[in-house]
């Protein structure tokens, strides 16, 4: 086999040559400078080249045209691969700090590093915290001892009746305050630091959350959203009925997955996942803190975080990537967020291949289309989880730019999750799509 410009070449050689043109990826490289076998298996093939959807680029021997295409695809992702290498270093360090030993470090952390690079770009000042949180989410509940203590505490009849009564007392002690949506409207319109400080210092977020507990609360929230954004609010997954139901103490008593009706147990489990063992208060204190948090508007204790969530509720109805551009009159930030997702290649492909007036496949994936059409619901779920984490740690966005980055990052991570689902669905239907294309 020769290596002339028009001759076939081994795929491994093509990858090695292209890889040599990407500086800053040494931790993903072998001693000879080429990509590690696990780098190819865990990052390059499934995530960069996507050989399942483009099998021609995964063949052991490539002709000149295909070799050039493979090289182009790899080099086009150079910035993200450098960021992946940097994130992998943080993940290894945090994995040791958290004493996580499950799985091979490269098998576990290579795909996660690429996901973080996609969601956040190169690591920033809070990279260590972000890497630690991602590892805790990936490895599940984490501190099993804390979870066992929580389960035993909440299921003990000596405690459960008292805790439920205390939750009910705090829940009803929170009375709806007069709604003043002016701070929220001002921040949506301007995204300025003064507008953020006014919103953070106001009760606007809590007021909207508490309004949902009143008769007709869902209708009232829809009217507020429409007044600010010009759009009717779809089902955002906040509650089952017209008003927020009293949340149960134990996860086994949950009757649905609605965001504001999650049990105290589920919320404290999330706290145990987020906090390393040496930073956790006793389970009894964690539960008591959560009772207070559950009773507050939108289930967030700090008014500024409730304001952030209210912002997300107002923006969410514009996040309809399958519909293309947001309609005129929608706040500019909401239009930008929707455009960020709507122009993603996977959304364009899904819109054309699965969701168009004449979809390419006779059996569109109903579940997948529902996920895309309910992007707003997925976005709010992620945003609330992120804000709950802030609340647990006592963190607050410092300024308007922090809020903007937070919301933009949640939209990006939501999109990343859905892109994985779309890719799997399209790969599963590849023979059908190729047959009719």
Protein backbone atom coordinates (compact mmCIF):
# COMPACT_ATOMS: atom_id res chain seq x y z
CA UNK A 1 0.00 0.00 0.00
CA UNK A 2 1.57 3.32 -1.03
CA UNK A 3 0.97 6.70 0.48
CA UNK A 4 0.72 8.79 -2.66
CA UNK A 5 -1.86 11.57 -2.68
CA UNK A 6 -4.30 9.46 -4.68
CA UNK A 7 -3.79 6.18 -2.86
CA UNK A 8 -5.65 4.53 -0.01
CA UNK A 9 -4.28 4.92 3.51
CA UNK A 10 -4.72 3.24 6.85
CA UNK A 11 -7.29 5.12 8.93
CA UNK A 12 -4.99 5.01 11.96
CA UNK A 13 -2.31 6.84 9.99
CA UNK A 14 -4.76 9.49 8.83
CA UNK A 15 -5.91 10.07 12.40
CA UNK A 16 -2.34 10.25 13.71
CA UNK A 17 -1.33 12.81 11.08
CA UNK A 18 -4.38 14.98 11.71
CA UNK A 19 -3.97 14.67 15.49
CA UNK A 20 -0.40 15.94 15.23
CA UNK A 21 -1.84 19.22 13.97
CA UNK A 22 -3.79 19.82 17.21
CA UNK A 23 -1.60 21.19 20.02
CA UNK A 24 -2.68 21.02 23.65
CA UNK A 25 -4.11 17.49 23.65
CA UNK A 26 -1.18 15.66 25.21
CA UNK A 27 -3.24 14.04 27.99
CA UNK A 28 -5.35 12.39 25.29
CA UNK A 29 -2.30 11.24 23.32
CA UNK A 30 -0.07 8.17 23.34
CA UNK A 31 3.71 8.17 23.66
CA UNK A 32 4.16 8.47 19.89
CA UNK A 33 1.97 11.58 19.75
CA UNK A 34 -1.09 9.99 18.19
CA UNK A 35 -4.49 9.73 19.88
CA UNK A 36 -4.84 7.06 22.55
CA UNK A 37 -6.90 4.03 21.59
CA UNK A 38 -9.45 5.06 24.23
CA UNK A 39 -9.46 8.62 22.83
CA UNK A 40 -10.51 7.17 19.48
CA UNK A 41 -13.03 4.80 21.03
CA UNK A 42 -14.59 7.20 23.55
CA UNK A 43 -14.25 10.63 21.92
CA UNK A 44 -13.21 10.71 18.28
CA UNK A 45 -15.40 7.99 16.79
CA UNK A 46 -18.66 8.42 18.73
CA UNK A 47 -18.59 12.17 19.41
CA UNK A 48 -16.42 13.94 16.81
CA UNK A 49 -16.62 11.81 13.68
CA UNK A 50 -19.88 10.05 14.66
CA UNK A 51 -19.01 6.89 12.76
CA UNK A 52 -22.37 5.29 13.58
CA UNK A 53 -24.03 7.87 11.34
CA UNK A 54 -21.08 8.12 8.89
CA UNK A 55 -19.69 4.60 8.64
CA UNK A 56 -17.57 5.47 5.62
CA UNK A 57 -15.30 7.50 7.91
CA UNK A 58 -14.80 4.53 10.23
CA UNK A 59 -13.42 2.02 7.72
CA UNK A 60 -9.90 0.68 8.39
CA UNK A 61 -8.68 1.77 4.96
CA UNK A 62 -9.68 5.14 3.45
CA UNK A 63 -9.40 6.45 -0.05
CA UNK A 64 -7.94 9.91 -0.60
CA UNK A 65 -11.29 11.73 -0.59
CA UNK A 66 -12.53 10.05 2.58
CA UNK A 67 -9.16 10.55 4.30
CA UNK A 68 -9.36 14.26 3.52
CA UNK A 69 -12.90 14.41 4.90
CA UNK A 70 -11.87 12.64 8.12
CA UNK A 71 -8.97 15.05 8.56
CA UNK A 72 -11.22 18.04 8.01
CA UNK A 73 -13.80 16.80 10.55
CA UNK A 74 -11.14 16.22 13.21
CA UNK A 75 -9.35 19.54 12.71
CA UNK A 76 -12.65 21.44 12.70
CA UNK A 77 -13.16 20.25 16.28
CA UNK A 78 -9.66 21.22 17.43
CA UNK A 79 -10.74 23.92 19.89
CA UNK A 80 -13.23 21.64 21.60
CA UNK A 81 -10.69 18.81 21.75
CA UNK A 82 -8.19 21.13 23.48
CA UNK A 83 -10.91 22.09 25.94
CA UNK A 84 -11.69 18.38 26.40
CA UNK A 85 -8.07 17.71 27.34
CA UNK A 86 -8.14 20.54 29.87
CA UNK A 87 -11.43 19.31 31.38
CA UNK A 88 -10.06 15.78 31.64
CA UNK A 89 -7.25 17.07 33.86
CA UNK A 90 -9.81 18.71 36.17
CA UNK A 91 -11.98 15.58 36.21
CA UNK A 92 -9.03 13.37 37.18
CA UNK A 93 -8.12 15.71 40.02
CA UNK A 94 -11.70 15.92 41.32
CA UNK A 95 -12.19 12.18 40.95
CA UNK A 96 -9.28 11.64 43.33
CA UNK A 97 -10.58 14.30 45.72
CA UNK A 98 -14.01 12.66 45.80
CA UNK A 99 -12.43 9.21 46.22
CA UNK A 100 -14.33 7.85 43.22
CA UNK A 101 -12.91 4.54 42.03
CA UNK A 102 -15.75 3.15 39.90
CA UNK A 103 -14.81 2.44 36.29
CA UNK A 104 -11.68 3.14 34.29
CA UNK A 105 -10.83 6.84 34.56
CA UNK A 106 -10.50 7.26 30.77
CA UNK A 107 -13.65 5.31 29.97
CA UNK A 108 -15.61 7.37 32.46
CA UNK A 109 -14.06 10.80 32.05
CA UNK A 110 -13.22 11.08 28.35
CA UNK A 111 -16.88 11.40 27.23
CA UNK A 112 -17.69 13.59 30.24
CA UNK A 113 -14.78 15.89 29.46
CA UNK A 114 -16.03 16.28 25.90
CA UNK A 115 -19.53 17.04 27.21
CA UNK A 116 -18.16 19.74 29.51
CA UNK A 117 -16.10 21.18 26.66
CA UNK A 118 -19.25 21.32 24.54
CA UNK A 119 -21.30 22.91 27.28
CA UNK A 120 -18.77 25.33 28.78
CA UNK A 121 -15.85 25.69 26.37
CA UNK A 122 -12.43 25.84 28.00
CA UNK A 123 -12.36 25.50 31.81
CA UNK A 124 -12.85 28.76 33.66
CA UNK A 125 -12.38 29.96 37.24
CA UNK A 126 -15.03 27.58 38.65
CA UNK A 127 -13.86 24.56 36.65
CA UNK A 128 -13.03 22.51 39.76
CA UNK A 129 -16.54 22.92 41.16
CA UNK A 130 -18.12 22.21 37.77
CA UNK A 131 -16.05 19.05 37.31
CA UNK A 132 -16.88 17.83 40.83
CA UNK A 133 -20.61 18.44 40.30
CA UNK A 134 -20.53 16.60 36.96
CA UNK A 135 -18.81 13.61 38.58
CA UNK A 136 -21.35 13.50 41.41
CA UNK A 137 -24.21 13.58 38.91
CA UNK A 138 -22.58 10.86 36.81
CA UNK A 139 -21.92 8.52 39.72
CA UNK A 140 -25.37 8.84 41.23
CA UNK A 141 -26.23 9.36 44.83
CA UNK A 142 -22.69 9.48 46.09
CA UNK A 143 -22.61 9.26 49.88
CA UNK A 144 -24.66 6.14 50.48
CA UNK A 145 -24.35 6.58 54.23
CA UNK A 146 -26.06 9.98 54.08
CA UNK A 147 -28.85 8.60 51.87
CA UNK A 148 -29.40 5.67 54.23
CA UNK A 149 -29.58 8.04 57.19
CA UNK A 150 -32.07 10.24 55.32
CA UNK A 151 -34.31 7.31 54.40
CA UNK A 152 -34.30 5.99 57.95
CA UNK A 153 -35.04 9.42 59.41
CA UNK A 154 -37.98 10.23 57.11
CA UNK A 155 -39.54 6.77 57.32
CA UNK A 156 -39.42 6.62 61.14
CA UNK A 157 -43.00 7.15 62.39
CA UNK A 158 -41.61 9.07 65.36
CA UNK A 159 -40.37 11.75 62.97
CA UNK A 160 -42.49 11.59 59.79
CA UNK A 161 -45.76 12.86 61.33
CA UNK A 162 -43.97 15.73 63.10
CA UNK A 163 -42.03 16.71 59.97
CA UNK A 164 -45.13 16.62 57.77
CA UNK A 165 -47.00 18.81 60.26
CA UNK A 166 -44.08 21.25 60.36
CA UNK A 167 -43.90 21.39 56.58
CA UNK A 168 -47.63 22.07 56.41
CA UNK A 169 -47.28 24.86 58.99
CA UNK A 170 -44.47 26.55 57.06
CA UNK A 171 -46.25 26.03 53.74
CA UNK A 172 -49.38 27.85 54.91
CA UNK A 173 -47.41 30.51 56.78
CA UNK A 174 -46.05 31.76 53.44
CA UNK A 175 -48.77 34.10 52.24
CA UNK A 176 -48.89 35.56 48.78
CA UNK A 177 -47.50 39.09 48.63
CA UNK A 178 -48.77 41.76 46.24
CA UNK A 179 -47.41 41.07 42.79
CA UNK A 180 -45.10 43.68 41.36
CA UNK A 181 -43.76 42.36 38.10
CA UNK A 182 -42.04 45.63 37.20
CA UNK A 183 -38.57 44.47 38.40
CA UNK A 184 -38.89 41.25 36.40
CA UNK A 185 -40.09 43.07 33.29
CA UNK A 186 -37.28 45.62 33.59
CA UNK A 187 -34.63 42.92 33.83
CA UNK A 188 -36.06 40.92 30.91
CA UNK A 189 -36.01 44.08 28.80
CA UNK A 190 -32.61 45.43 29.79
CA UNK A 191 -30.48 42.68 31.40
CA UNK A 192 -28.55 45.47 33.14
CA UNK A 193 -26.79 45.36 36.49
CA UNK A 194 -29.13 47.93 38.10
CA UNK A 195 -32.14 45.96 36.87
CA UNK A 196 -30.66 42.75 38.26
CA UNK A 197 -30.03 44.32 41.67
CA UNK A 198 -33.61 45.59 41.75
CA UNK A 199 -34.96 42.13 40.87
CA UNK A 200 -32.65 40.35 43.32
CA UNK A 201 -33.73 42.67 46.15
CA UNK A 202 -37.44 42.36 45.34
CA UNK A 203 -40.03 39.74 46.23
CA UNK A 204 -41.11 39.38 42.59
CA UNK A 205 -39.84 35.81 42.19
CA UNK A 206 -41.31 34.56 45.44
CA UNK A 207 -44.60 36.32 44.70
CA UNK A 208 -45.00 34.52 41.39
CA UNK A 209 -44.13 31.19 42.97
CA UNK A 210 -46.57 31.68 45.84
CA UNK A 211 -49.26 32.79 43.40
CA UNK A 212 -49.18 29.30 41.90
CA UNK A 213 -50.54 27.91 45.20
CA UNK A 214 -53.68 30.03 45.01
CA UNK A 215 -56.88 28.99 43.19
CA UNK A 216 -56.38 29.91 39.55
CA UNK A 217 -52.62 30.18 40.08
CA UNK A 218 -51.63 28.57 36.79
CA UNK A 219 -53.92 30.93 34.90
CA UNK A 220 -52.47 33.90 36.78
CA UNK A 221 -48.91 32.87 35.92
CA UNK A 222 -49.88 32.49 32.26
CA UNK A 223 -51.20 36.04 32.26
CA UNK A 224 -47.97 37.38 33.76
CA UNK A 225 -45.84 35.48 31.24
CA UNK A 226 -47.98 36.71 28.36
CA UNK A 227 -47.83 40.29 29.60
CA UNK A 228 -44.02 40.26 29.70
CA UNK A 229 -43.08 37.94 26.81
CA UNK A 230 -46.10 38.19 24.54
CA UNK A 231 -46.48 34.40 24.53
CA UNK A 232 -48.87 32.02 26.21
CA UNK A 233 -47.15 29.67 28.63
CA UNK A 234 -47.36 25.99 27.62
CA UNK A 235 -47.29 23.21 30.21
CA UNK A 236 -43.99 23.93 31.90
CA UNK A 237 -44.03 20.90 34.19
CA UNK A 238 -44.26 22.98 37.37
CA UNK A 239 -47.42 21.39 38.83
CA UNK A 240 -50.19 19.00 37.92
CA UNK A 241 -53.28 21.15 38.34
CA UNK A 242 -54.36 24.74 38.56
CA UNK A 243 -52.50 25.23 41.84
CA UNK A 244 -49.37 23.71 43.36
CA UNK A 245 -50.17 20.64 45.45
CA UNK A 246 -48.73 20.24 48.93
CA UNK A 247 -45.49 18.25 48.42
CA UNK A 248 -45.04 14.93 50.26
CA UNK A 249 -42.31 14.14 52.72
CA UNK A 250 -41.26 10.81 51.18
CA UNK A 251 -40.37 10.08 47.60
CA UNK A 252 -42.63 7.01 47.60
CA UNK A 253 -45.65 9.31 48.05
CA UNK A 254 -44.95 11.38 44.94
CA UNK A 255 -47.75 11.16 42.36
CA UNK A 256 -45.90 12.72 39.44
CA UNK A 257 -42.67 14.32 38.28
CA UNK A 258 -43.81 17.94 38.49
CA UNK A 259 -41.02 20.26 39.54
CA UNK A 260 -42.66 22.12 42.42
CA UNK A 261 -44.36 19.02 43.84
CA UNK A 262 -41.24 16.96 44.42
CA UNK A 263 -40.88 15.38 47.84
CA UNK A 264 -38.63 16.66 50.58
CA UNK A 265 -36.72 13.40 50.35
CA UNK A 266 -35.93 13.84 46.67
CA UNK A 267 -34.71 17.38 47.26
CA UNK A 268 -32.47 16.43 50.18
CA UNK A 269 -31.05 13.53 48.16
CA UNK A 270 -30.01 16.12 45.58
CA UNK A 271 -28.29 18.09 48.34
CA UNK A 272 -26.38 14.98 49.43
CA UNK A 273 -25.19 14.49 45.85
CA UNK A 274 -23.95 18.05 45.59
CA UNK A 275 -22.09 18.40 48.86
CA UNK A 276 -18.93 16.43 49.68
CA UNK A 277 -19.19 14.50 52.97
CA UNK A 278 -16.98 16.91 54.90
CA UNK A 279 -19.25 19.87 54.02
CA UNK A 280 -22.59 18.27 54.93
CA UNK A 281 -24.62 19.23 57.96
CA UNK A 282 -26.37 16.41 59.85
CA UNK A 283 -29.34 14.93 58.01
CA UNK A 284 -31.76 16.45 60.54
CA UNK A 285 -30.47 19.94 59.71
CA UNK A 286 -30.54 19.30 55.95
CA UNK A 287 -34.19 18.25 56.21
CA UNK A 288 -35.09 21.28 58.31
CA UNK A 289 -33.40 23.60 55.79
CA UNK A 290 -35.32 21.94 52.99
CA UNK A 291 -38.66 22.34 54.78
CA UNK A 292 -38.06 26.09 54.77
CA UNK A 293 -36.96 26.03 51.15
CA UNK A 294 -39.96 23.97 49.99
CA UNK A 295 -42.32 26.47 51.63
CA UNK A 296 -40.80 29.44 49.77
CA UNK A 297 -41.92 30.66 46.35
CA UNK A 298 -40.77 28.29 43.56
CA UNK A 299 -39.20 26.13 46.31
CA UNK A 300 -36.12 28.39 46.46
CA UNK A 301 -35.22 30.08 49.72
CA UNK A 302 -33.19 33.03 48.44
CA UNK A 303 -35.35 35.72 46.77
CA UNK A 304 -32.70 36.43 44.12
CA UNK A 305 -32.76 32.77 43.02
CA UNK A 306 -36.55 32.79 42.90
CA UNK A 307 -36.18 35.86 40.69
CA UNK A 308 -33.80 33.93 38.42
CA UNK A 309 -36.33 31.13 38.11
CA UNK A 310 -39.11 33.62 37.38
CA UNK A 311 -36.90 34.93 34.57
CA UNK A 312 -36.62 31.38 33.22
CA UNK A 313 -40.40 30.94 33.37
CA UNK A 314 -40.88 34.11 31.33
CA UNK A 315 -38.26 33.11 28.74
CA UNK A 316 -39.23 29.43 28.48
CA UNK A 317 -42.28 29.75 26.16
CA UNK A 318 -40.03 31.19 23.44
CA UNK A 319 -37.83 28.08 23.45
CA UNK A 320 -39.48 26.17 20.61
CA UNK A 321 -36.62 25.08 18.36
CA UNK A 322 -38.77 22.90 16.09
CA UNK A 323 -40.77 26.01 15.15
CA UNK A 324 -37.72 27.95 13.98
CA UNK A 325 -37.32 31.63 14.84
CA UNK A 326 -39.30 33.08 17.74
CA UNK A 327 -42.15 35.38 16.69
CA UNK A 328 -41.83 39.15 16.64
CA UNK A 329 -42.38 40.94 19.93
CA UNK A 330 -40.63 38.31 22.04
CA UNK A 331 -37.88 39.72 24.32
CA UNK A 332 -34.53 39.83 22.54
CA UNK A 333 -32.76 37.55 25.03
CA UNK A 334 -35.45 34.89 24.53
CA UNK A 335 -35.08 35.20 20.76
CA UNK A 336 -31.32 34.72 21.04
CA UNK A 337 -31.70 31.65 23.25
CA UNK A 338 -34.19 30.04 20.89
CA UNK A 339 -32.01 30.82 17.87
CA UNK A 340 -29.04 29.22 19.66
CA UNK A 341 -30.93 25.92 19.73
CA UNK A 342 -32.97 26.22 16.53
CA UNK A 343 -29.85 26.54 14.37
CA UNK A 344 -28.24 23.41 15.83
CA UNK A 345 -27.62 20.87 13.09
CA UNK A 346 -29.46 18.14 14.93
CA UNK A 347 -32.60 20.33 15.26
CA UNK A 348 -32.51 21.22 11.58
CA UNK A 349 -32.09 17.56 10.70
CA UNK A 350 -34.84 16.45 13.06
CA UNK A 351 -37.15 19.14 11.72
CA UNK A 352 -36.54 17.98 8.16
CA UNK A 353 -36.24 14.23 8.69
CA UNK A 354 -38.78 13.59 11.41
CA UNK A 355 -41.03 16.55 12.03
CA UNK A 356 -41.70 18.19 8.68
CA UNK A 357 -45.00 18.21 6.85
CA UNK A 358 -43.67 15.27 4.84
CA UNK A 359 -41.12 13.56 7.15
CA UNK A 360 -38.52 11.36 5.50
CA UNK A 361 -39.46 8.42 7.65
CA UNK A 362 -42.98 6.99 7.72
CA UNK A 363 -42.59 6.33 11.47
CA UNK A 364 -41.50 9.57 13.17
CA UNK A 365 -40.28 9.04 16.72
CA UNK A 366 -43.16 10.43 18.78
CA UNK A 367 -41.20 10.44 22.02
CA UNK A 368 -38.28 12.28 20.47
CA UNK A 369 -40.52 14.89 18.88
CA UNK A 370 -42.29 15.37 22.19
CA UNK A 371 -38.94 16.01 23.91
CA UNK A 372 -38.04 18.62 21.31
CA UNK A 373 -41.45 20.25 21.47
CA UNK A 374 -41.19 20.31 25.28
CA UNK A 375 -37.76 21.95 25.24
CA UNK A 376 -39.07 24.67 27.58
CA UNK A 377 -40.04 22.08 30.19
CA UNK A 378 -36.62 20.39 30.04
CA UNK A 379 -34.91 23.77 30.27
CA UNK A 380 -36.86 24.81 33.37
CA UNK A 381 -36.17 21.46 35.03
CA UNK A 382 -32.42 21.92 34.59
CA UNK A 383 -32.56 25.58 35.60
CA UNK A 384 -34.40 24.77 38.83
CA UNK A 385 -31.91 22.03 39.73
CA UNK A 386 -29.03 24.44 39.14
CA UNK A 387 -30.65 27.15 41.26
CA UNK A 388 -31.46 24.67 44.02
CA UNK A 389 -27.75 23.84 44.09
CA UNK A 390 -26.95 27.54 44.43
CA UNK A 391 -29.48 27.77 47.26
CA UNK A 392 -27.96 24.80 49.11
CA UNK A 393 -24.49 26.37 48.93
CA UNK A 394 -25.70 29.94 49.57
CA UNK A 395 -24.39 31.15 46.21
CA UNK A 396 -25.85 34.00 44.15
CA UNK A 397 -25.15 35.35 40.66
CA UNK A 398 -22.91 38.38 41.10
CA UNK A 399 -24.35 40.51 38.32
CA UNK A 400 -26.46 40.53 35.18
CA UNK A 401 -23.72 38.86 33.15
CA UNK A 402 -23.68 35.96 35.62
CA UNK A 403 -27.43 35.51 35.23
CA UNK A 404 -27.18 35.65 31.47
CA UNK A 405 -24.34 33.10 31.47
CA UNK A 406 -26.28 30.84 33.84
CA UNK A 407 -29.41 30.79 31.67
CA UNK A 408 -27.41 30.45 28.45
CA UNK A 409 -25.44 27.55 29.92
CA UNK A 410 -28.60 25.73 30.98
CA UNK A 411 -30.05 26.13 27.48
CA UNK A 412 -26.80 24.76 26.05
CA UNK A 413 -26.71 21.73 28.35
CA UNK A 414 -30.39 21.00 27.67
CA UNK A 415 -29.66 21.13 23.96
CA UNK A 416 -26.67 18.81 24.39
CA UNK A 417 -28.81 16.20 26.13
CA UNK A 418 -31.48 16.33 23.43
CA UNK A 419 -28.87 16.20 20.69
CA UNK A 420 -27.70 12.86 22.06
CA UNK A 421 -31.29 11.55 21.95
CA UNK A 422 -31.79 12.81 18.40
CA UNK A 423 -28.52 11.29 17.25
CA UNK A 424 -29.51 7.90 18.63
CA UNK A 425 -32.93 8.11 17.00
CA UNK A 426 -31.52 9.11 13.63
CA UNK A 427 -28.85 6.41 13.74
CA UNK A 428 -31.52 3.82 14.55
CA UNK A 429 -33.49 4.99 11.52
CA UNK A 430 -30.53 5.44 9.19
CA UNK A 431 -31.49 2.57 6.88
CA UNK A 432 -35.01 4.01 6.49
CA UNK A 433 -33.71 7.53 5.86
CA UNK A 434 -31.10 6.36 3.36
CA UNK A 435 -33.70 4.28 1.54
CA UNK A 436 -35.94 7.28 0.87
CA UNK A 437 -33.26 9.93 0.41
